Amino acid sequence: MKVVLICRDKPGAHDIRAANRDAHLAYAAETGAVWMGGPFLDEAGNMTGSLIILEIESLEAAKAWSAADPYVRAGLFESVTIDAWKKTVG
């Protein structure tokens, strides 16, 4: 199943994001669960959150994946929404 994670950074958390970016990208690659993902950007081009689409067994597995993400462990996000998702266009 596909599951979408919509993650919004805490205000002023750019340093947390920068310090954990390599670990986050390595985790995404190592787990093989990320179908597609990338950062949200503000008008100046600064990263302000993440959109991650997982190809994973269940919502519970997606929640476990999110909990182990280095960004989550470092406290980067103000909020994380996790929902089942179905691709219908594109």
PDB file of N, CA and C in Angstrom:
ATOM      1  N   MET A   1       0.843  -1.180   0.000  1.00  0.00           N
ATOM      2  CA  MET A   1       0.000   0.000   0.000  1.00  0.00           C
ATOM      3  C   MET A   1       0.884   1.236   0.000  1.00  0.00           C
ATOM      4  N   LYS A   2       0.315   2.333  -0.474  1.00  0.00           N
ATOM      5  CA  LYS A   2       1.025   3.602  -0.429  1.00  0.00           C
ATOM      6  C   LYS A   2       0.491   4.421   0.742  1.00  0.00           C
ATOM      7  N   VAL A   3       1.419   5.063   1.426  1.00  0.00           N
ATOM      8  CA  VAL A   3       1.095   5.902   2.581  1.00  0.00           C
ATOM      9  C   VAL A   3       1.848   7.212   2.422  1.00  0.00           C
ATOM     10  N   VAL A   4       1.136   8.318   2.619  1.00  0.00           N
ATOM     11  CA  VAL A   4       1.760   9.624   2.508  1.00  0.00           C
ATOM     12  C   VAL A   4       2.021  10.200   3.898  1.00  0.00           C
ATOM     13  N   LEU A   5       3.209  10.776   4.053  1.00  0.00           N
ATOM     14  CA  LEU A   5       3.585  11.491   5.272  1.00  0.00           C
ATOM     15  C   LEU A   5       3.736  12.956   4.902  1.00  0.00           C
ATOM     16  N   ILE A   6       3.004  13.822   5.579  1.00  0.00           N
ATOM     17  CA  ILE A   6       3.129  15.263   5.404  1.00  0.00           C
ATOM     18  C   ILE A   6       3.724  15.794   6.699  1.00  0.00           C
ATOM     19  N   CYS A   7       4.948  16.283   6.587  1.00  0.00           N
ATOM     20  CA  CYS A   7       5.727  16.673   7.769  1.00  0.00           C
ATOM     21  C   CYS A   7       6.054  18.159   7.676  1.00  0.00           C
ATOM     22  N   ARG A   8       5.719  18.894   8.706  1.00  0.00           N
ATOM     23  CA  ARG A   8       5.983  20.334   8.754  1.00  0.00           C
ATOM     24  C   ARG A   8       7.052  20.613   9.806  1.00  0.00           C
ATOM     25  N   ASP A   9       8.100  21.329   9.380  1.00  0.00           N
ATOM     26  CA  ASP A   9       9.191  21.663  10.297  1.00  0.00           C
ATOM     27  C   ASP A   9       8.728  22.610  11.388  1.00  0.00           C
ATOM     28  N   LYS A  10       9.366  22.502  12.555  1.00  0.00           N
ATOM     29  CA  LYS A  10       9.182  23.504  13.598  1.00  0.00           C
ATOM     30  C   LYS A  10       9.771  24.819  13.089  1.00  0.00           C
ATOM     31  N   PRO A  11       9.199  25.957  13.468  1.00  0.00           N
ATOM     32  CA  PRO A  11       9.794  27.239  13.070  1.00  0.00           C
ATOM     33  C   PRO A  11      11.239  27.341  13.553  1.00  0.00           C
ATOM     34  N   GLY A  12      12.108  27.832  12.691  1.00  0.00           N
ATOM     35  CA  GLY A  12      13.503  28.036  13.059  1.00  0.00           C
ATOM     36  C   GLY A  12      14.323  26.773  13.196  1.00  0.00           C
ATOM     37  N   ALA A  13      13.864  25.674  12.612  1.00  0.00           N
ATOM     38  CA  ALA A  13      14.546  24.386  12.788  1.00  0.00           C
ATOM     39  C   ALA A  13      15.501  24.041  11.644  1.00  0.00           C
ATOM     40  N   HIS A  14      15.896  25.047  10.869  1.00  0.00           N
ATOM     41  CA  HIS A  14      16.778  24.777   9.732  1.00  0.00           C
ATOM     42  C   HIS A  14      18.050  24.041  10.141  1.00  0.00           C
ATOM     43  N   ASP A  15      18.643  24.419  11.265  1.00  0.00           N
ATOM     44  CA  ASP A  15      19.886  23.768  11.707  1.00  0.00           C
ATOM     45  C   ASP A  15      19.667  22.293  12.033  1.00  0.00           C
ATOM     46  N   ILE A  16      18.512  21.955  12.608  1.00  0.00           N
ATOM     47  CA  ILE A  16      18.201  20.547  12.895  1.00  0.00           C
ATOM     48  C   ILE A  16      18.094  19.780  11.587  1.00  0.00           C
ATOM     49  N   ARG A  17      17.405  20.361  10.605  1.00  0.00           N
ATOM     50  CA  ARG A  17      17.265  19.711   9.300  1.00  0.00           C
ATOM     51  C   ARG A  17      18.641  19.489   8.674  1.00  0.00           C
ATOM     52  N   ALA A  18      19.464  20.533   8.644  1.00  0.00           N
ATOM     53  CA  ALA A  18      20.782  20.437   8.015  1.00  0.00           C
ATOM     54  C   ALA A  18      21.664  19.392   8.701  1.00  0.00           C
ATOM     55  N   ALA A  19      21.628  19.352  10.014  1.00  0.00           N
ATOM     56  CA  ALA A  19      22.473  18.427  10.768  1.00  0.00           C
ATOM     57  C   ALA A  19      22.064  16.969  10.583  1.00  0.00           C
ATOM     58  N   ASN A  20      20.810  16.721  10.221  1.00  0.00           N
ATOM     59  CA  ASN A  20      20.305  15.347  10.120  1.00  0.00           C
ATOM     60  C   ASN A  20      19.944  14.918   8.705  1.00  0.00           C
ATOM     61  N   ARG A  21      20.182  15.772   7.726  1.00  0.00           N
ATOM     62  CA  ARG A  21      19.788  15.488   6.341  1.00  0.00           C
ATOM     63  C   ARG A  21      20.456  14.231   5.788  1.00  0.00           C
ATOM     64  N   ASP A  22      21.763  14.111   5.962  1.00  0.00           N
ATOM     65  CA  ASP A  22      22.467  12.929   5.438  1.00  0.00           C
ATOM     66  C   ASP A  22      21.933  11.642   6.063  1.00  0.00           C
ATOM     67  N   ALA A  23      21.694  11.664   7.370  1.00  0.00           N
ATOM     68  CA  ALA A  23      21.174  10.468   8.049  1.00  0.00           C
ATOM     69  C   ALA A  23      19.760  10.153   7.569  1.00  0.00           C
ATOM     70  N   HIS A  24      18.942  11.185   7.357  1.00  0.00           N
ATOM     71  CA  HIS A  24      17.578  10.993   6.859  1.00  0.00           C
ATOM     72  C   HIS A  24      17.600  10.364   5.467  1.00  0.00           C
ATOM     73  N   LEU A  25      18.422  10.905   4.579  1.00  0.00           N
ATOM     74  CA  LEU A  25      18.502  10.365   3.218  1.00  0.00           C
ATOM     75  C   LEU A  25      19.056   8.945   3.211  1.00  0.00           C
ATOM     76  N   ALA A  26      20.025   8.663   4.065  1.00  0.00           N
ATOM     77  CA  ALA A  26      20.570   7.300   4.166  1.00  0.00           C
ATOM     78  C   ALA A  26      19.501   6.341   4.677  1.00  0.00           C
ATOM     79  N   TYR A  27      18.736   6.759   5.670  1.00  0.00           N
ATOM     80  CA  TYR A  27      17.648   5.927   6.206  1.00  0.00           C
ATOM     81  C   TYR A  27      16.624   5.622   5.120  1.00  0.00           C
ATOM     82  N   ALA A  28      16.236   6.636   4.365  1.00  0.00           N
ATOM     83  CA  ALA A  28      15.274   6.439   3.282  1.00  0.00           C
ATOM     84  C   ALA A  28      15.806   5.423   2.273  1.00  0.00           C
ATOM     85  N   ALA A  29      17.073   5.526   1.923  1.00  0.00           N
ATOM     86  CA  ALA A  29      17.671   4.601   0.953  1.00  0.00           C
ATOM     87  C   ALA A  29      17.800   3.190   1.530  1.00  0.00           C
ATOM     88  N   GLU A  30      18.239   3.089   2.761  1.00  0.00           N
ATOM     89  CA  GLU A  30      18.469   1.782   3.392  1.00  0.00           C
ATOM     90  C   GLU A  30      17.184   0.990   3.580  1.00  0.00           C
ATOM     91  N   THR A  31      16.114   1.658   3.942  1.00  0.00           N
ATOM     92  CA  THR A  31      14.868   0.943   4.214  1.00  0.00           C
ATOM     93  C   THR A  31      14.160   0.502   2.945  1.00  0.00           C
ATOM     94  N   GLY A  32      14.390   1.208   1.848  1.00  0.00           N
ATOM     95  CA  GLY A  32      13.755   0.864   0.587  1.00  0.00           C
ATOM     96  C   GLY A  32      12.256   1.094   0.558  1.00  0.00           C
ATOM     97  N   ALA A  33      11.707   1.779   1.545  1.00  0.00           N
ATOM     98  CA  ALA A  33      10.260   1.984   1.639  1.00  0.00           C
ATOM     99  C   ALA A  33       9.781   3.250   0.940  1.00  0.00           C
ATOM    100  N   VAL A  34      10.694   4.164   0.617  1.00  0.00           N
ATOM    101  CA  VAL A  34      10.285   5.448   0.041  1.00  0.00           C
ATOM    102  C   VAL A  34      10.038   5.289  -1.459  1.00  0.00           C
ATOM    103  N   TRP A  35       8.799   5.554  -1.850  1.00  0.00           N
ATOM    104  CA  TRP A  35       8.414   5.503  -3.250  1.00  0.00           C
ATOM    105  C   TRP A  35       8.749   6.832  -3.920  1.00  0.00           C
ATOM    106  N   MET A  36       8.525   7.935  -3.167  1.00  0.00           N
ATOM    107  CA  MET A  36       8.809   9.274  -3.660  1.00  0.00           C
ATOM    108  C   MET A  36       8.863  10.208  -2.458  1.00  0.00           C
ATOM    109  N   GLY A  37       9.681  11.232  -2.552  1.00  0.00           N
ATOM    110  CA  GLY A  37       9.723  12.187  -1.457  1.00  0.00           C
ATOM    111  C   GLY A  37      10.524  13.418  -1.802  1.00  0.00           C
ATOM    112  N   GLY A  38      10.364  14.437  -0.978  1.00  0.00           N
ATOM    113  CA  GLY A  38      11.122  15.659  -1.146  1.00  0.00           C
ATOM    114  C   GLY A  38      10.629  16.719  -0.192  1.00  0.00           C
ATOM    115  N   PRO A  39      11.383  17.831  -0.121  1.00  0.00           N
ATOM    116  CA  PRO A  39      11.046  18.880   0.833  1.00  0.00           C
ATOM    117  C   PRO A  39      10.015  19.865   0.299  1.00  0.00           C
ATOM    118  N   PHE A  40       9.261  20.454   1.228  1.00  0.00           N
ATOM    119  CA  PHE A  40       8.466  21.643   0.940  1.00  0.00           C
ATOM    120  C   PHE A  40       9.422  22.835   1.007  1.00  0.00           C
ATOM    121  N   LEU A  41       9.133  23.857   0.208  1.00  0.00           N
ATOM    122  CA  LEU A  41       9.994  25.042   0.164  1.00  0.00           C
ATOM    123  C   LEU A  41       9.174  26.304   0.409  1.00  0.00           C
ATOM    124  N   ASP A  42       9.799  27.280   1.064  1.00  0.00           N
ATOM    125  CA  ASP A  42       9.149  28.581   1.192  1.00  0.00           C
ATOM    126  C   ASP A  42       9.498  29.428  -0.034  1.00  0.00           C
ATOM    127  N   GLU A  43       9.043  30.679  -0.062  1.00  0.00           N
ATOM    128  CA  GLU A  43       9.257  31.545  -1.218  1.00  0.00           C
ATOM    129  C   GLU A  43      10.734  31.813  -1.491  1.00  0.00           C
ATOM    130  N   ALA A  44      11.567  31.729  -0.461  1.00  0.00           N
ATOM    131  CA  ALA A  44      13.010  31.953  -0.622  1.00  0.00           C
ATOM    132  C   ALA A  44      13.757  30.680  -0.999  1.00  0.00           C
ATOM    133  N   GLY A  45      13.040  29.567  -1.089  1.00  0.00           N
ATOM    134  CA  GLY A  45      13.680  28.300  -1.441  1.00  0.00           C
ATOM    135  C   GLY A  45      14.198  27.511  -0.260  1.00  0.00           C
ATOM    136  N   ASN A  46      13.882  27.935   0.963  1.00  0.00           N
ATOM    137  CA  ASN A  46      14.307  27.214   2.164  1.00  0.00           C
ATOM    138  C   ASN A  46      13.380  26.034   2.425  1.00  0.00           C
ATOM    139  N   MET A  47      13.947  24.921   2.867  1.00  0.00           N
ATOM    140  CA  MET A  47      13.153  23.735   3.191  1.00  0.00           C
ATOM    141  C   MET A  47      12.340  23.984   4.453  1.00  0.00           C
ATOM    142  N   THR A  48      11.047  23.611   4.390  1.00  0.00           N
ATOM    143  CA  THR A  48      10.144  23.878   5.509  1.00  0.00           C
ATOM    144  C   THR A  48       9.356  22.653   5.956  1.00  0.00           C
ATOM    145  N   GLY A  49       9.626  21.529   5.350  1.00  0.00           N
ATOM    146  CA  GLY A  49       8.905  20.309   5.678  1.00  0.00           C
ATOM    147  C   GLY A  49       9.218  19.243   4.651  1.00  0.00           C
ATOM    148  N   SER A  50       8.513  18.129   4.743  1.00  0.00           N
ATOM    149  CA  SER A  50       8.756  17.014   3.832  1.00  0.00           C
ATOM    150  C   SER A  50       7.445  16.358   3.417  1.00  0.00           C
ATOM    151  N   LEU A  51       7.413  15.916   2.173  1.00  0.00           N
ATOM    152  CA  LEU A  51       6.358  15.052   1.665  1.00  0.00           C
ATOM    153  C   LEU A  51       7.026  13.731   1.321  1.00  0.00           C
ATOM    154  N   ILE A  52       6.570  12.660   1.939  1.00  0.00           N
ATOM    155  CA  ILE A  52       7.161  11.340   1.716  1.00  0.00           C
ATOM    156  C   ILE A  52       6.030  10.370   1.405  1.00  0.00           C
ATOM    157  N   ILE A  53       6.169   9.641   0.322  1.00  0.00           N
ATOM    158  CA  ILE A  53       5.206   8.598  -0.012  1.00  0.00           C
ATOM    159  C   ILE A  53       5.918   7.264   0.125  1.00  0.00           C
ATOM    160  N   LEU A  54       5.398   6.438   1.021  1.00  0.00           N
ATOM    161  CA  LEU A  54       5.969   5.126   1.278  1.00  0.00           C
ATOM    162  C   LEU A  54       5.207   4.053   0.528  1.00  0.00           C
ATOM    163  N   GLU A  55       5.898   3.047   0.066  1.00  0.00           N
ATOM    164  CA  GLU A  55       5.299   1.797  -0.417  1.00  0.00           C
ATOM    165  C   GLU A  55       5.588   0.810   0.702  1.00  0.00           C
ATOM    166  N   ILE A  56       4.547   0.491   1.477  1.00  0.00           N
ATOM    167  CA  ILE A  56       4.764  -0.215   2.746  1.00  0.00           C
ATOM    168  C   ILE A  56       3.564  -1.118   3.049  1.00  0.00           C
ATOM    169  N   GLU A  57       3.731  -2.049   3.972  1.00  0.00           N
ATOM    170  CA  GLU A  57       2.721  -3.080   4.238  1.00  0.00           C
ATOM    171  C   GLU A  57       1.442  -2.557   4.892  1.00  0.00           C
ATOM    172  N   SER A  58       1.560  -1.553   5.761  1.00  0.00           N
ATOM    173  CA  SER A  58       0.403  -1.123   6.547  1.00  0.00           C
ATOM    174  C   SER A  58       0.628   0.269   7.119  1.00  0.00           C
ATOM    175  N   LEU A  59      -0.443   0.864   7.623  1.00  0.00           N
ATOM    176  CA  LEU A  59      -0.307   2.146   8.324  1.00  0.00           C
ATOM    177  C   LEU A  59       0.572   2.006   9.558  1.00  0.00           C
ATOM    178  N   GLU A  60       0.456   0.883  10.246  1.00  0.00           N
ATOM    179  CA  GLU A  60       1.274   0.662  11.434  1.00  0.00           C
ATOM    180  C   GLU A  60       2.761   0.632  11.069  1.00  0.00           C
ATOM    181  N   ALA A  61       3.096  -0.012   9.951  1.00  0.00           N
ATOM    182  CA  ALA A  61       4.488  -0.054   9.492  1.00  0.00           C
ATOM    183  C   ALA A  61       4.964   1.343   9.096  1.00  0.00           C
ATOM    184  N   ALA A  62       4.074   2.139   8.506  1.00  0.00           N
ATOM    185  CA  ALA A  62       4.427   3.508   8.140  1.00  0.00           C
ATOM    186  C   ALA A  62       4.696   4.351   9.385  1.00  0.00           C
ATOM    187  N   LYS A  63       3.885   4.171  10.413  1.00  0.00           N
ATOM    188  CA  LYS A  63       4.101   4.898  11.669  1.00  0.00           C
ATOM    189  C   LYS A  63       5.426   4.504  12.303  1.00  0.00           C
ATOM    190  N   ALA A  64       5.773   3.220  12.239  1.00  0.00           N
ATOM    191  CA  ALA A  64       7.053   2.758  12.770  1.00  0.00           C
ATOM    192  C   ALA A  64       8.205   3.325  11.946  1.00  0.00           C
ATOM    193  N   TRP A  65       8.033   3.348  10.626  1.00  0.00           N
ATOM    194  CA  TRP A  65       9.064   3.927   9.755  1.00  0.00           C
ATOM    195  C   TRP A  65       9.289   5.385  10.125  1.00  0.00           C
ATOM    196  N   SER A  66       8.208   6.135  10.279  1.00  0.00           N
ATOM    197  CA  SER A  66       8.303   7.548  10.628  1.00  0.00           C
ATOM    198  C   SER A  66       8.990   7.753  11.977  1.00  0.00           C
ATOM    199  N   ALA A  67       8.628   6.949  12.948  1.00  0.00           N
ATOM    200  CA  ALA A  67       9.208   7.095  14.294  1.00  0.00           C
ATOM    201  C   ALA A  67      10.724   6.885  14.293  1.00  0.00           C
ATOM    202  N   ALA A  68      11.214   6.062  13.369  1.00  0.00           N
ATOM    203  CA  ALA A  68      12.650   5.776  13.299  1.00  0.00           C
ATOM    204  C   ALA A  68      13.408   6.727  12.383  1.00  0.00           C
ATOM    205  N   ASP A  69      12.702   7.598  11.674  1.00  0.00           N
ATOM    206  CA  ASP A  69      13.336   8.564  10.767  1.00  0.00           C
ATOM    207  C   ASP A  69      14.233   9.499  11.579  1.00  0.00           C
ATOM    208  N   PRO A  70      15.482   9.688  11.169  1.00  0.00           N
ATOM    209  CA  PRO A  70      16.371  10.603  11.901  1.00  0.00           C
ATOM    210  C   PRO A  70      15.823  12.015  12.074  1.00  0.00           C
ATOM    211  N   TYR A  71      15.047  12.504  11.136  1.00  0.00           N
ATOM    212  CA  TYR A  71      14.424  13.817  11.305  1.00  0.00           C
ATOM    213  C   TYR A  71      13.457  13.814  12.488  1.00  0.00           C
ATOM    214  N   VAL A  72      12.646  12.779  12.593  1.00  0.00           N
ATOM    215  CA  VAL A  72      11.694  12.676  13.701  1.00  0.00           C
ATOM    216  C   VAL A  72      12.449  12.520  15.015  1.00  0.00           C
ATOM    217  N   ARG A  73      13.433  11.651  15.026  1.00  0.00           N
ATOM    218  CA  ARG A  73      14.216  11.408  16.252  1.00  0.00           C
ATOM    219  C   ARG A  73      14.933  12.661  16.739  1.00  0.00           C
ATOM    220  N   ALA A  74      15.295  13.552  15.795  1.00  0.00           N
ATOM    221  CA  ALA A  74      15.989  14.791  16.157  1.00  0.00           C
ATOM    222  C   ALA A  74      15.018  15.904  16.553  1.00  0.00           C
ATOM    223  N   GLY A  75      13.701  15.673  16.414  1.00  0.00           N
ATOM    224  CA  GLY A  75      12.720  16.677  16.801  1.00  0.00           C
ATOM    225  C   GLY A  75      12.512  17.777  15.776  1.00  0.00           C
ATOM    226  N   LEU A  76      12.756  17.497  14.498  1.00  0.00           N
ATOM    227  CA  LEU A  76      12.623  18.505  13.456  1.00  0.00           C
ATOM    228  C   LEU A  76      11.183  18.967  13.239  1.00  0.00           C
ATOM    229  N   PHE A  77      10.252  18.038  13.292  1.00  0.00           N
ATOM    230  CA  PHE A  77       8.899  18.344  12.831  1.00  0.00           C
ATOM    231  C   PHE A  77       7.976  18.873  13.921  1.00  0.00           C
ATOM    232  N   GLU A  78       7.192  19.872  13.531  1.00  0.00           N
ATOM    233  CA  GLU A  78       6.124  20.391  14.373  1.00  0.00           C
ATOM    234  C   GLU A  78       4.914  19.458  14.301  1.00  0.00           C
ATOM    235  N   SER A  79       4.704  18.876  13.110  1.00  0.00           N
ATOM    236  CA  SER A  79       3.597  17.944  12.927  1.00  0.00           C
ATOM    237  C   SER A  79       3.934  16.922  11.851  1.00  0.00           C
ATOM    238  N   VAL A  80       3.347  15.739  11.997  1.00  0.00           N
ATOM    239  CA  VAL A  80       3.461  14.681  10.996  1.00  0.00           C
ATOM    240  C   VAL A  80       2.073  14.069  10.825  1.00  0.00           C
ATOM    241  N   THR A  81       1.576  14.090   9.606  1.00  0.00           N
ATOM    242  CA  THR A  81       0.302  13.463   9.278  1.00  0.00           C
ATOM    243  C   THR A  81       0.602  12.235   8.429  1.00  0.00           C
ATOM    244  N   ILE A  82      -0.020  11.103   8.775  1.00  0.00           N
ATOM    245  CA  ILE A  82       0.217   9.843   8.065  1.00  0.00           C
ATOM    246  C   ILE A  82      -1.133   9.297   7.622  1.00  0.00           C
ATOM    247  N   ASP A  83      -1.288   9.133   6.286  1.00  0.00           N
ATOM    248  CA  ASP A  83      -2.549   8.673   5.731  1.00  0.00           C
ATOM    249  C   ASP A  83      -2.306   7.697   4.593  1.00  0.00           C
ATOM    250  N   ALA A  84      -3.208   6.723   4.446  1.00  0.00           N
ATOM    251  CA  ALA A  84      -3.198   5.870   3.261  1.00  0.00           C
ATOM    252  C   ALA A  84      -3.476   6.757   2.057  1.00  0.00           C
ATOM    253  N   TRP A  85      -2.897   6.384   0.902  1.00  0.00           N
ATOM    254  CA  TRP A  85      -3.002   7.210  -0.285  1.00  0.00           C
ATOM    255  C   TRP A  85      -3.111   6.344  -1.517  1.00  0.00           C
ATOM    256  N   LYS A  86      -3.866   6.810  -2.499  1.00  0.00           N
ATOM    257  CA  LYS A  86      -4.038   6.076  -3.748  1.00  0.00           C
ATOM    258  C   LYS A  86      -3.702   6.993  -4.914  1.00  0.00           C
ATOM    259  N   LYS A  87      -2.762   6.601  -5.736  1.00  0.00           N
ATOM    260  CA  LYS A  87      -2.417   7.356  -6.930  1.00  0.00           C
ATOM    261  C   LYS A  87      -3.494   7.131  -7.979  1.00  0.00           C
ATOM    262  N   THR A  88      -4.041   8.217  -8.528  1.00  0.00           N
ATOM    263  CA  THR A  88      -5.060   8.097  -9.557  1.00  0.00           C
ATOM    264  C   THR A  88      -4.712   8.863 -10.834  1.00  0.00           C
ATOM    265  N   VAL A  89      -3.783   9.809 -10.757  1.00  0.00           N
ATOM    266  CA  VAL A  89      -3.399  10.616 -11.921  1.00  0.00           C
ATOM    267  C   VAL A  89      -1.877  10.693 -11.986  1.00  0.00           C
ATOM    268  N   GLY A  90      -1.337  10.675 -13.197  1.00  0.00           N
ATOM    269  CA  GLY A  90       0.094  10.880 -13.399  1.00  0.00           C
ATOM    270  C   GLY A  90       0.910   9.632 -13.484  1.00  0.00           C
TER     271      GLY A  90
END
